[in-house]
Amino acid sequence: MPGLNTNMEKKDKLTFNLHGYIPRSSVNGPGERFVIFTQGCSRLCPGCNNIDALAHEPRMLMTVDELYDKAATTKGIEGVTFSGGEPLEQIDACLELCRRLRSETGLSMLVYTGFNPDEIKAMPLGEEFLNTIDVLVAGPFIKESKCKSGLAGSNNQEIIFLTYRYTMNDIEHPDDFEIFVYPDGHVVMTGILPDGDVL
C-alpha cells in the first residue's frame, strides 16, 4: 500500500515523524488523553482539516522511546490517542509504542485512521496492531458527511471497540473542541467546531 512504513530512523532507532503532540486533551477520546499527531498521509481526503499534516517530509522526529517517556510520565491521563496525518503509514513505530504502553502502563489506546478494518488486516503488522488498541475510529473523511459532534469526523466512519474497556457511553462528551496557546505563541486547536469543521 502506498505510503506505508514512511517513518525515518533517528540514531538507528525506530522513529516517528510527527506533526506534533498534545500532552493533555479532553476531546480526543475518553478522559484526559495524550494525543499524537503523525506527519504524512497519502489518502488526501477532500476537505481534510489538517492539511499541514499531509506532507511526508520530516517535521518533528522522535524515537519510540522518547515518545513513550513523554506519554508514560504525563500524570492523570486516561490514555493515548493517535491521529494524523495517517498513523498507520507509520505502523511499525505505532505498534512498538502501543506494545510498550500496553505492557508497561495502564493507559488505553485509541486510533484514528482513514483505513477500514479489512485494509488494516491486510497490512504487514496490521492484525498485530489491532490487538494492541482499545478503540479504532476507521474510514476516510468525507466532507459532505461531516459530523457536528462526537469522535468521528464524518458519518461514514466506524467507531470499533476492540476490547471491553469502553462502550459508546464512554466516548460521548460535552466538550467538542479545545484551543491551546503555548508560551512561544503558537496556537493549537483540536476537536470539532460548532459549525462541524474537524480540527
N, C-alpha and C. Protein backbone atom coordinates (compact mmCIF):
# COMPACT_ATOMS: atom_id res chain seq x y z
N MET A 1 0.84 -1.19 0.00
CA MET A 1 0.00 0.00 0.00
C MET A 1 0.87 1.24 0.00
N PRO A 2 0.48 2.27 -0.76
CA PRO A 2 1.34 3.46 -0.84
C PRO A 2 1.44 4.16 0.49
N GLY A 3 2.63 4.63 0.77
CA GLY A 3 2.83 5.45 1.96
C GLY A 3 3.14 4.69 3.23
N LEU A 4 3.02 3.36 3.23
CA LEU A 4 3.25 2.63 4.46
C LEU A 4 4.74 2.62 4.81
N ASN A 5 5.01 2.53 6.11
CA ASN A 5 6.38 2.44 6.61
C ASN A 5 7.23 3.64 6.19
N THR A 6 6.67 4.85 6.34
CA THR A 6 7.41 6.04 5.93
C THR A 6 8.16 6.67 7.10
N ASN A 7 8.10 6.07 8.29
CA ASN A 7 8.83 6.68 9.40
C ASN A 7 10.34 6.59 9.15
N MET A 8 11.07 7.57 9.69
CA MET A 8 12.51 7.67 9.46
C MET A 8 13.30 7.18 10.66
N GLU A 9 14.56 6.91 10.45
CA GLU A 9 15.41 6.45 11.52
C GLU A 9 16.16 7.61 12.16
N LYS A 10 16.23 7.64 13.45
CA LYS A 10 16.95 8.65 14.19
C LYS A 10 17.91 7.91 15.11
N LYS A 11 19.17 8.04 14.83
CA LYS A 11 20.17 7.32 15.60
C LYS A 11 19.92 5.82 15.57
N ASP A 12 19.51 5.32 14.42
CA ASP A 12 19.27 3.88 14.22
C ASP A 12 18.19 3.31 15.13
N LYS A 13 17.29 4.14 15.61
CA LYS A 13 16.18 3.65 16.43
C LYS A 13 14.87 3.93 15.69
N LEU A 14 13.86 3.10 15.98
CA LEU A 14 12.55 3.28 15.37
C LEU A 14 12.01 4.66 15.75
N THR A 15 11.62 5.44 14.74
CA THR A 15 11.33 6.85 14.95
C THR A 15 10.03 7.26 14.28
N PHE A 16 9.29 8.12 14.96
CA PHE A 16 8.11 8.75 14.40
C PHE A 16 8.50 10.04 13.67
N ASN A 17 7.79 10.31 12.59
CA ASN A 17 7.76 11.66 12.02
C ASN A 17 6.43 12.26 12.47
N LEU A 18 6.50 13.24 13.38
CA LEU A 18 5.30 13.78 13.99
C LEU A 18 4.94 15.15 13.43
N HIS A 19 3.65 15.40 13.38
CA HIS A 19 3.15 16.76 13.16
C HIS A 19 3.21 17.52 14.48
N GLY A 20 3.01 16.80 15.57
CA GLY A 20 3.06 17.38 16.91
C GLY A 20 2.38 16.46 17.91
N TYR A 21 2.27 16.95 19.14
CA TYR A 21 1.54 16.19 20.15
C TYR A 21 0.96 17.16 21.17
N ILE A 22 -0.09 16.72 21.85
CA ILE A 22 -0.73 17.48 22.92
C ILE A 22 -0.65 16.62 24.18
N PRO A 23 -0.01 17.10 25.23
CA PRO A 23 0.14 16.26 26.43
C PRO A 23 -1.18 15.92 27.12
N ARG A 24 -2.17 16.80 26.98
CA ARG A 24 -3.43 16.55 27.70
C ARG A 24 -4.59 17.16 26.93
N SER A 25 -5.51 16.32 26.48
CA SER A 25 -6.69 16.76 25.73
C SER A 25 -7.91 16.02 26.25
N SER A 26 -9.06 16.70 26.24
CA SER A 26 -10.30 16.06 26.70
C SER A 26 -11.29 15.84 25.56
N VAL A 27 -10.90 16.09 24.30
CA VAL A 27 -11.84 15.95 23.19
C VAL A 27 -11.40 14.89 22.17
N ASN A 28 -10.40 14.11 22.51
CA ASN A 28 -9.88 13.11 21.58
C ASN A 28 -10.01 11.70 22.12
N GLY A 29 -11.12 11.43 22.82
CA GLY A 29 -11.35 10.11 23.38
C GLY A 29 -11.73 10.20 24.83
N PRO A 30 -11.92 9.04 25.47
CA PRO A 30 -12.37 9.02 26.87
C PRO A 30 -11.36 9.64 27.82
N GLY A 31 -11.81 10.52 28.69
CA GLY A 31 -10.95 11.12 29.71
C GLY A 31 -9.92 12.06 29.13
N GLU A 32 -8.94 12.41 29.97
CA GLU A 32 -7.82 13.24 29.52
C GLU A 32 -6.82 12.34 28.79
N ARG A 33 -6.35 12.79 27.61
CA ARG A 33 -5.52 11.91 26.79
C ARG A 33 -4.30 12.64 26.24
N PHE A 34 -3.21 11.89 26.09
CA PHE A 34 -2.01 12.34 25.39
C PHE A 34 -2.28 12.07 23.91
N VAL A 35 -2.21 13.11 23.07
CA VAL A 35 -2.59 12.96 21.66
C VAL A 35 -1.36 13.12 20.77
N ILE A 36 -1.16 12.13 19.91
CA ILE A 36 -0.04 12.10 18.97
C ILE A 36 -0.57 12.34 17.57
N PHE A 37 -0.05 13.36 16.89
CA PHE A 37 -0.42 13.64 15.50
C PHE A 37 0.77 13.27 14.61
N THR A 38 0.63 12.21 13.83
CA THR A 38 1.71 11.82 12.94
C THR A 38 1.74 12.74 11.72
N GLN A 39 2.90 12.82 11.09
CA GLN A 39 3.07 13.64 9.89
C GLN A 39 3.07 12.74 8.67
N GLY A 40 2.26 13.08 7.68
CA GLY A 40 2.22 12.34 6.43
C GLY A 40 0.94 11.54 6.25
N CYS A 41 0.30 11.74 5.09
CA CYS A 41 -0.90 10.97 4.76
C CYS A 41 -1.02 10.91 3.24
N SER A 42 -1.17 9.71 2.71
CA SER A 42 -1.30 9.52 1.27
C SER A 42 -2.76 9.47 0.81
N ARG A 43 -3.70 9.49 1.74
CA ARG A 43 -5.11 9.34 1.37
C ARG A 43 -5.67 10.62 0.77
N LEU A 44 -5.24 11.77 1.28
CA LEU A 44 -5.61 13.06 0.70
C LEU A 44 -7.12 13.23 0.56
N CYS A 45 -7.86 12.99 1.64
CA CYS A 45 -9.32 13.13 1.61
C CYS A 45 -9.69 14.58 1.28
N PRO A 46 -10.57 14.80 0.29
CA PRO A 46 -11.00 16.17 0.00
C PRO A 46 -11.62 16.81 1.24
N GLY A 47 -11.23 18.06 1.51
CA GLY A 47 -11.76 18.76 2.66
C GLY A 47 -11.05 18.47 3.96
N CYS A 48 -9.93 17.75 3.90
CA CYS A 48 -9.16 17.46 5.12
C CYS A 48 -8.88 18.75 5.87
N ASN A 49 -9.12 18.72 7.18
CA ASN A 49 -8.93 19.91 8.00
C ASN A 49 -7.54 19.99 8.62
N ASN A 50 -6.69 19.03 8.33
CA ASN A 50 -5.33 19.06 8.89
C ASN A 50 -4.32 18.95 7.75
N ILE A 51 -4.47 19.85 6.77
CA ILE A 51 -3.66 19.75 5.56
C ILE A 51 -2.17 19.91 5.84
N ASP A 52 -1.80 20.60 6.92
CA ASP A 52 -0.38 20.75 7.25
C ASP A 52 0.26 19.42 7.64
N ALA A 53 -0.56 18.43 7.96
CA ALA A 53 -0.02 17.12 8.38
C ALA A 53 0.04 16.11 7.23
N LEU A 54 -0.26 16.53 6.00
CA LEU A 54 -0.31 15.59 4.89
C LEU A 54 1.05 15.27 4.28
N ALA A 55 1.92 16.26 4.18
CA ALA A 55 3.22 16.05 3.52
C ALA A 55 4.07 15.07 4.31
N HIS A 56 4.88 14.28 3.60
CA HIS A 56 5.69 13.25 4.25
C HIS A 56 7.09 13.71 4.63
N GLU A 57 7.48 14.93 4.26
CA GLU A 57 8.83 15.33 4.62
C GLU A 57 8.98 15.45 6.14
N PRO A 58 10.20 15.27 6.63
CA PRO A 58 10.42 15.28 8.08
C PRO A 58 9.97 16.58 8.72
N ARG A 59 9.31 16.45 9.87
CA ARG A 59 8.86 17.62 10.61
C ARG A 59 9.40 17.60 12.03
N MET A 60 8.93 16.66 12.83
CA MET A 60 9.41 16.51 14.21
C MET A 60 9.74 15.04 14.40
N LEU A 61 11.01 14.71 14.42
CA LEU A 61 11.42 13.32 14.58
C LEU A 61 11.60 12.99 16.05
N MET A 62 10.97 11.91 16.46
CA MET A 62 11.04 11.50 17.87
C MET A 62 11.06 9.98 17.92
N THR A 63 11.99 9.41 18.65
CA THR A 63 12.04 7.96 18.74
C THR A 63 10.86 7.44 19.56
N VAL A 64 10.59 6.14 19.36
CA VAL A 64 9.55 5.49 20.16
C VAL A 64 9.86 5.65 21.64
N ASP A 65 11.12 5.48 22.02
CA ASP A 65 11.50 5.61 23.43
C ASP A 65 11.20 7.01 23.96
N GLU A 66 11.54 8.03 23.17
CA GLU A 66 11.30 9.41 23.61
C GLU A 66 9.81 9.69 23.78
N LEU A 67 9.01 9.23 22.83
CA LEU A 67 7.57 9.48 22.90
C LEU A 67 6.93 8.67 24.02
N TYR A 68 7.41 7.44 24.20
CA TYR A 68 6.93 6.63 25.32
C TYR A 68 7.18 7.36 26.65
N ASP A 69 8.38 7.89 26.83
CA ASP A 69 8.71 8.57 28.09
C ASP A 69 7.79 9.76 28.33
N LYS A 70 7.47 10.50 27.27
CA LYS A 70 6.59 11.67 27.43
C LYS A 70 5.18 11.23 27.82
N ALA A 71 4.64 10.23 27.14
CA ALA A 71 3.29 9.78 27.43
C ALA A 71 3.20 9.10 28.80
N ALA A 72 4.15 8.23 29.08
CA ALA A 72 4.11 7.43 30.31
C ALA A 72 4.31 8.27 31.56
N THR A 73 4.94 9.43 31.44
CA THR A 73 5.20 10.27 32.61
C THR A 73 4.23 11.44 32.73
N THR A 74 3.25 11.52 31.83
CA THR A 74 2.22 12.56 31.94
C THR A 74 1.20 12.10 32.97
N LYS A 75 1.09 12.81 34.05
CA LYS A 75 0.25 12.38 35.17
C LYS A 75 -1.23 12.67 34.89
N GLY A 76 -2.08 11.77 35.35
CA GLY A 76 -3.52 11.99 35.33
C GLY A 76 -4.23 11.75 34.02
N ILE A 77 -3.53 11.14 33.04
CA ILE A 77 -4.21 10.88 31.78
C ILE A 77 -4.80 9.47 31.77
N GLU A 78 -5.84 9.32 30.96
CA GLU A 78 -6.54 8.04 30.81
C GLU A 78 -5.90 7.18 29.73
N GLY A 79 -5.35 7.84 28.71
CA GLY A 79 -4.80 7.05 27.62
C GLY A 79 -4.11 7.90 26.57
N VAL A 80 -3.81 7.24 25.45
CA VAL A 80 -3.10 7.87 24.34
C VAL A 80 -3.96 7.75 23.09
N THR A 81 -4.07 8.85 22.34
CA THR A 81 -4.80 8.86 21.08
C THR A 81 -3.82 9.13 19.95
N PHE A 82 -3.94 8.34 18.86
CA PHE A 82 -3.12 8.52 17.67
C PHE A 82 -3.99 9.12 16.57
N SER A 83 -3.52 10.22 16.00
CA SER A 83 -4.24 10.88 14.92
C SER A 83 -3.23 11.29 13.87
N GLY A 84 -3.62 12.15 12.95
CA GLY A 84 -2.65 12.47 11.91
C GLY A 84 -2.97 13.75 11.17
N GLY A 85 -2.47 13.72 9.90
CA GLY A 85 -1.76 12.67 9.19
C GLY A 85 -2.49 11.31 9.23
N GLU A 86 -1.73 10.29 8.91
CA GLU A 86 -2.25 8.92 8.95
C GLU A 86 -1.32 8.05 9.78
N PRO A 87 -1.72 7.73 11.01
CA PRO A 87 -0.84 6.94 11.88
C PRO A 87 -0.38 5.63 11.28
N LEU A 88 -1.25 4.96 10.51
CA LEU A 88 -0.89 3.63 10.03
C LEU A 88 0.08 3.66 8.86
N GLU A 89 0.44 4.84 8.38
CA GLU A 89 1.55 4.93 7.44
C GLU A 89 2.88 4.87 8.18
N GLN A 90 2.82 4.82 9.50
CA GLN A 90 3.99 4.59 10.35
C GLN A 90 3.67 3.45 11.32
N ILE A 91 3.09 2.39 10.77
CA ILE A 91 2.53 1.33 11.60
C ILE A 91 3.58 0.64 12.47
N ASP A 92 4.81 0.52 11.99
CA ASP A 92 5.83 -0.17 12.79
C ASP A 92 6.13 0.61 14.06
N ALA A 93 6.26 1.93 13.97
CA ALA A 93 6.51 2.74 15.16
C ALA A 93 5.28 2.76 16.06
N CYS A 94 4.08 2.87 15.47
CA CYS A 94 2.85 2.86 16.26
C CYS A 94 2.70 1.55 17.03
N LEU A 95 2.98 0.44 16.35
CA LEU A 95 2.87 -0.87 17.00
C LEU A 95 3.84 -0.97 18.17
N GLU A 96 5.08 -0.56 17.98
CA GLU A 96 6.06 -0.66 19.05
C GLU A 96 5.66 0.20 20.25
N LEU A 97 5.17 1.42 19.98
CA LEU A 97 4.76 2.29 21.08
C LEU A 97 3.55 1.71 21.81
N CYS A 98 2.56 1.22 21.06
CA CYS A 98 1.38 0.64 21.69
C CYS A 98 1.73 -0.59 22.52
N ARG A 99 2.62 -1.43 22.00
CA ARG A 99 3.06 -2.61 22.76
C ARG A 99 3.63 -2.19 24.12
N ARG A 100 4.51 -1.20 24.09
CA ARG A 100 5.15 -0.76 25.35
C ARG A 100 4.14 -0.14 26.29
N LEU A 101 3.28 0.71 25.77
CA LEU A 101 2.29 1.35 26.64
C LEU A 101 1.35 0.32 27.25
N ARG A 102 0.96 -0.67 26.46
CA ARG A 102 0.03 -1.68 26.98
C ARG A 102 0.69 -2.56 28.02
N SER A 103 1.95 -2.90 27.82
CA SER A 103 2.60 -3.83 28.74
C SER A 103 3.16 -3.14 29.98
N GLU A 104 3.46 -1.84 29.89
CA GLU A 104 4.16 -1.18 30.99
C GLU A 104 3.35 -0.09 31.69
N THR A 105 2.17 0.23 31.18
CA THR A 105 1.33 1.25 31.82
C THR A 105 -0.12 0.77 31.82
N GLY A 106 -0.98 1.52 32.45
CA GLY A 106 -2.41 1.22 32.42
C GLY A 106 -3.15 2.07 31.41
N LEU A 107 -2.42 2.73 30.50
CA LEU A 107 -3.05 3.64 29.55
C LEU A 107 -3.79 2.88 28.45
N SER A 108 -4.89 3.47 27.99
CA SER A 108 -5.64 2.90 26.88
C SER A 108 -5.15 3.51 25.57
N MET A 109 -5.50 2.87 24.45
CA MET A 109 -5.10 3.34 23.13
C MET A 109 -6.32 3.51 22.23
N LEU A 110 -6.40 4.69 21.60
CA LEU A 110 -7.43 4.99 20.62
C LEU A 110 -6.73 5.48 19.35
N VAL A 111 -7.17 4.99 18.20
CA VAL A 111 -6.50 5.33 16.94
C VAL A 111 -7.51 5.81 15.91
N TYR A 112 -7.21 6.97 15.31
CA TYR A 112 -7.94 7.46 14.14
C TYR A 112 -7.18 7.02 12.90
N THR A 113 -7.90 6.48 11.92
CA THR A 113 -7.26 6.09 10.66
C THR A 113 -8.24 6.24 9.51
N GLY A 114 -7.71 6.55 8.34
CA GLY A 114 -8.53 6.60 7.13
C GLY A 114 -8.75 5.22 6.52
N PHE A 115 -8.05 4.21 7.02
CA PHE A 115 -8.21 2.85 6.51
C PHE A 115 -9.37 2.15 7.20
N ASN A 116 -10.03 1.22 6.49
CA ASN A 116 -11.08 0.43 7.13
C ASN A 116 -10.45 -0.84 7.71
N PRO A 117 -11.17 -1.56 8.56
CA PRO A 117 -10.57 -2.72 9.24
C PRO A 117 -10.00 -3.78 8.30
N ASP A 118 -10.67 -4.04 7.17
CA ASP A 118 -10.14 -5.04 6.24
C ASP A 118 -8.82 -4.60 5.64
N GLU A 119 -8.70 -3.31 5.33
CA GLU A 119 -7.44 -2.79 4.80
C GLU A 119 -6.32 -2.91 5.84
N ILE A 120 -6.66 -2.66 7.09
CA ILE A 120 -5.66 -2.75 8.15
C ILE A 120 -5.19 -4.20 8.31
N LYS A 121 -6.14 -5.14 8.31
CA LYS A 121 -5.79 -6.55 8.47
C LYS A 121 -4.90 -7.05 7.33
N ALA A 122 -5.03 -6.42 6.16
CA ALA A 122 -4.21 -6.83 5.01
C ALA A 122 -2.80 -6.25 5.06
N MET A 123 -2.54 -5.30 5.95
CA MET A 123 -1.22 -4.68 6.05
C MET A 123 -0.26 -5.61 6.79
N PRO A 124 1.03 -5.55 6.46
CA PRO A 124 2.01 -6.19 7.33
C PRO A 124 1.88 -5.56 8.72
N LEU A 125 1.80 -6.36 9.75
CA LEU A 125 1.66 -5.92 11.15
C LEU A 125 0.25 -5.45 11.50
N GLY A 126 -0.67 -5.46 10.54
CA GLY A 126 -2.00 -4.90 10.78
C GLY A 126 -2.77 -5.60 11.88
N GLU A 127 -2.88 -6.93 11.79
CA GLU A 127 -3.64 -7.68 12.80
C GLU A 127 -2.98 -7.54 14.16
N GLU A 128 -1.66 -7.59 14.17
CA GLU A 128 -0.93 -7.44 15.43
C GLU A 128 -1.20 -6.06 16.04
N PHE A 129 -1.23 -5.05 15.19
CA PHE A 129 -1.51 -3.70 15.68
C PHE A 129 -2.90 -3.61 16.29
N LEU A 130 -3.90 -4.17 15.63
CA LEU A 130 -5.27 -4.11 16.15
C LEU A 130 -5.37 -4.77 17.52
N ASN A 131 -4.52 -5.74 17.79
CA ASN A 131 -4.54 -6.43 19.08
C ASN A 131 -3.95 -5.60 20.22
N THR A 132 -3.38 -4.43 19.90
CA THR A 132 -2.76 -3.59 20.94
C THR A 132 -3.60 -2.37 21.29
N ILE A 133 -4.75 -2.17 20.61
CA ILE A 133 -5.51 -0.94 20.85
C ILE A 133 -6.91 -1.26 21.36
N ASP A 134 -7.54 -0.23 21.95
CA ASP A 134 -8.87 -0.39 22.54
C ASP A 134 -9.99 0.10 21.63
N VAL A 135 -9.77 1.23 20.97
CA VAL A 135 -10.81 1.82 20.13
C VAL A 135 -10.19 2.25 18.80
N LEU A 136 -10.89 1.93 17.71
CA LEU A 136 -10.48 2.32 16.37
C LEU A 136 -11.57 3.19 15.77
N VAL A 137 -11.20 4.39 15.30
CA VAL A 137 -12.12 5.24 14.53
C VAL A 137 -11.63 5.13 13.10
N ALA A 138 -12.39 4.42 12.25
CA ALA A 138 -11.86 3.96 10.96
C ALA A 138 -12.69 4.46 9.79
N GLY A 139 -11.98 4.77 8.71
CA GLY A 139 -12.62 5.15 7.45
C GLY A 139 -12.19 6.52 7.00
N PRO A 140 -12.25 6.77 5.69
CA PRO A 140 -11.84 8.08 5.17
C PRO A 140 -12.78 9.19 5.61
N PHE A 141 -12.24 10.40 5.71
CA PHE A 141 -13.08 11.56 6.00
C PHE A 141 -13.83 11.96 4.73
N ILE A 142 -15.17 12.14 4.85
CA ILE A 142 -15.99 12.60 3.73
C ILE A 142 -16.62 13.92 4.13
N LYS A 143 -16.17 14.98 3.50
CA LYS A 143 -16.58 16.34 3.88
C LYS A 143 -18.09 16.52 3.86
N GLU A 144 -18.75 15.92 2.87
CA GLU A 144 -20.19 16.10 2.73
C GLU A 144 -20.98 15.41 3.85
N SER A 145 -20.32 14.50 4.58
CA SER A 145 -20.99 13.78 5.67
C SER A 145 -20.39 14.10 7.02
N LYS A 146 -19.74 15.25 7.13
CA LYS A 146 -19.03 15.55 8.37
C LYS A 146 -19.97 15.63 9.57
N CYS A 147 -19.47 15.18 10.71
CA CYS A 147 -20.23 15.18 11.97
C CYS A 147 -20.08 16.52 12.67
N LYS A 148 -21.07 16.85 13.48
CA LYS A 148 -21.01 18.10 14.24
C LYS A 148 -20.68 17.86 15.70
N SER A 149 -20.51 16.62 16.08
CA SER A 149 -20.08 16.30 17.46
C SER A 149 -19.59 14.86 17.48
N GLY A 150 -18.99 14.48 18.62
CA GLY A 150 -18.53 13.11 18.78
C GLY A 150 -17.12 12.90 18.27
N LEU A 151 -16.69 11.63 18.25
CA LEU A 151 -15.32 11.31 17.87
C LEU A 151 -15.11 11.22 16.37
N ALA A 152 -16.10 10.75 15.63
CA ALA A 152 -15.92 10.57 14.19
C ALA A 152 -15.94 11.92 13.49
N GLY A 153 -15.11 12.04 12.45
CA GLY A 153 -15.09 13.26 11.66
C GLY A 153 -16.22 13.32 10.66
N SER A 154 -16.64 12.15 10.14
CA SER A 154 -17.76 12.10 9.21
C SER A 154 -18.59 10.85 9.49
N ASN A 155 -19.86 10.89 9.08
CA ASN A 155 -20.81 9.85 9.48
C ASN A 155 -20.48 8.46 8.94
N ASN A 156 -19.68 8.36 7.89
CA ASN A 156 -19.32 7.06 7.35
C ASN A 156 -18.31 6.31 8.21
N GLN A 157 -17.61 7.03 9.08
CA GLN A 157 -16.55 6.40 9.87
C GLN A 157 -17.12 5.50 10.96
N GLU A 158 -16.46 4.36 11.15
CA GLU A 158 -16.88 3.40 12.17
C GLU A 158 -16.11 3.64 13.46
N ILE A 159 -16.80 3.53 14.58
CA ILE A 159 -16.14 3.51 15.88
C ILE A 159 -16.20 2.06 16.37
N ILE A 160 -15.03 1.43 16.45
CA ILE A 160 -14.96 0.00 16.71
C ILE A 160 -14.26 -0.23 18.05
N PHE A 161 -14.93 -0.95 18.94
CA PHE A 161 -14.37 -1.26 20.26
C PHE A 161 -13.69 -2.62 20.17
N LEU A 162 -12.38 -2.62 20.36
CA LEU A 162 -11.59 -3.84 20.19
C LEU A 162 -11.30 -4.55 21.51
N THR A 163 -11.61 -3.89 22.62
CA THR A 163 -11.54 -4.51 23.94
C THR A 163 -12.83 -4.14 24.67
N TYR A 164 -12.96 -4.64 25.89
CA TYR A 164 -14.14 -4.32 26.69
C TYR A 164 -13.94 -3.10 27.58
N ARG A 165 -12.85 -2.37 27.38
CA ARG A 165 -12.54 -1.26 28.28
C ARG A 165 -13.57 -0.13 28.16
N TYR A 166 -14.09 0.13 26.97
CA TYR A 166 -15.01 1.24 26.76
C TYR A 166 -16.27 0.79 26.04
N THR A 167 -17.32 1.61 26.19
CA THR A 167 -18.55 1.47 25.41
C THR A 167 -18.84 2.82 24.77
N MET A 168 -19.89 2.88 23.97
CA MET A 168 -20.25 4.14 23.31
C MET A 168 -20.53 5.24 24.33
N ASN A 169 -21.05 4.88 25.50
CA ASN A 169 -21.31 5.89 26.53
C ASN A 169 -20.03 6.58 27.00
N ASP A 170 -18.92 5.87 26.96
CA ASP A 170 -17.66 6.43 27.44
C ASP A 170 -17.07 7.48 26.50
N ILE A 171 -17.47 7.44 25.23
CA ILE A 171 -16.86 8.36 24.28
C ILE A 171 -17.76 9.53 23.92
N GLU A 172 -18.91 9.63 24.59
CA GLU A 172 -19.75 10.81 24.40
C GLU A 172 -19.37 11.81 25.47
N HIS A 173 -19.01 13.00 25.04
CA HIS A 173 -18.56 14.01 26.00
C HIS A 173 -19.07 15.38 25.58
N PRO A 174 -19.28 16.30 26.55
CA PRO A 174 -19.84 17.61 26.21
C PRO A 174 -18.84 18.53 25.51
N ASP A 175 -17.56 18.33 25.73
CA ASP A 175 -16.56 19.19 25.10
C ASP A 175 -16.28 18.69 23.69
N ASP A 176 -16.37 19.58 22.70
CA ASP A 176 -16.13 19.17 21.32
C ASP A 176 -14.84 19.72 20.75
N PHE A 177 -14.35 20.84 21.26
CA PHE A 177 -13.08 21.35 20.73
C PHE A 177 -12.32 22.10 21.82
N GLU A 178 -11.01 22.21 21.59
CA GLU A 178 -10.12 22.88 22.54
C GLU A 178 -9.19 23.80 21.76
N ILE A 179 -8.75 24.86 22.43
CA ILE A 179 -7.74 25.75 21.88
C ILE A 179 -6.63 25.87 22.91
N PHE A 180 -5.39 25.59 22.48
CA PHE A 180 -4.22 25.70 23.35
C PHE A 180 -3.33 26.83 22.83
N VAL A 181 -2.92 27.71 23.73
CA VAL A 181 -1.97 28.76 23.39
C VAL A 181 -0.70 28.50 24.20
N TYR A 182 0.41 28.26 23.51
CA TYR A 182 1.65 27.89 24.16
C TYR A 182 2.54 29.10 24.42
N PRO A 183 3.48 28.99 25.36
CA PRO A 183 4.34 30.13 25.73
C PRO A 183 5.06 30.77 24.54
N ASP A 184 5.39 29.98 23.52
CA ASP A 184 6.10 30.56 22.37
C ASP A 184 5.15 31.25 21.39
N GLY A 185 3.85 31.24 21.72
CA GLY A 185 2.87 31.97 20.92
C GLY A 185 2.11 31.14 19.91
N HIS A 186 2.53 29.89 19.67
CA HIS A 186 1.78 29.13 18.67
C HIS A 186 0.49 28.59 19.27
N VAL A 187 -0.51 28.46 18.41
CA VAL A 187 -1.86 28.07 18.82
C VAL A 187 -2.19 26.71 18.19
N VAL A 188 -2.76 25.81 19.00
CA VAL A 188 -3.19 24.50 18.51
C VAL A 188 -4.67 24.36 18.83
N MET A 189 -5.46 24.01 17.81
CA MET A 189 -6.88 23.73 18.01
C MET A 189 -7.14 22.28 17.65
N THR A 190 -7.99 21.62 18.42
CA THR A 190 -8.30 20.22 18.14
C THR A 190 -9.77 19.96 18.50
N GLY A 191 -10.38 19.02 17.77
CA GLY A 191 -11.77 18.68 18.02
C GLY A 191 -12.66 19.09 16.86
N ILE A 192 -13.95 19.28 17.15
CA ILE A 192 -14.94 19.66 16.13
C ILE A 192 -15.58 20.97 16.53
N LEU A 193 -15.45 21.98 15.68
CA LEU A 193 -16.03 23.29 15.95
C LEU A 193 -17.55 23.24 15.82
N PRO A 194 -18.26 24.22 16.38
CA PRO A 194 -19.73 24.21 16.32
C PRO A 194 -20.31 24.12 14.90
N ASP A 195 -19.58 24.63 13.90
CA ASP A 195 -20.09 24.55 12.52
C ASP A 195 -19.79 23.21 11.86
N GLY A 196 -19.18 22.29 12.62
CA GLY A 196 -18.89 20.97 12.11
C GLY A 196 -17.52 20.77 11.52
N ASP A 197 -16.71 21.83 11.45
CA ASP A 197 -15.35 21.68 10.95
C ASP A 197 -14.53 20.85 11.92
N VAL A 198 -13.80 19.87 11.39
CA VAL A 198 -12.96 19.00 12.20
C VAL A 198 -11.57 19.60 12.29
N LEU A 199 -10.98 19.59 13.49
CA LEU A 199 -9.63 20.13 13.67
C LEU A 199 -8.66 19.01 13.98
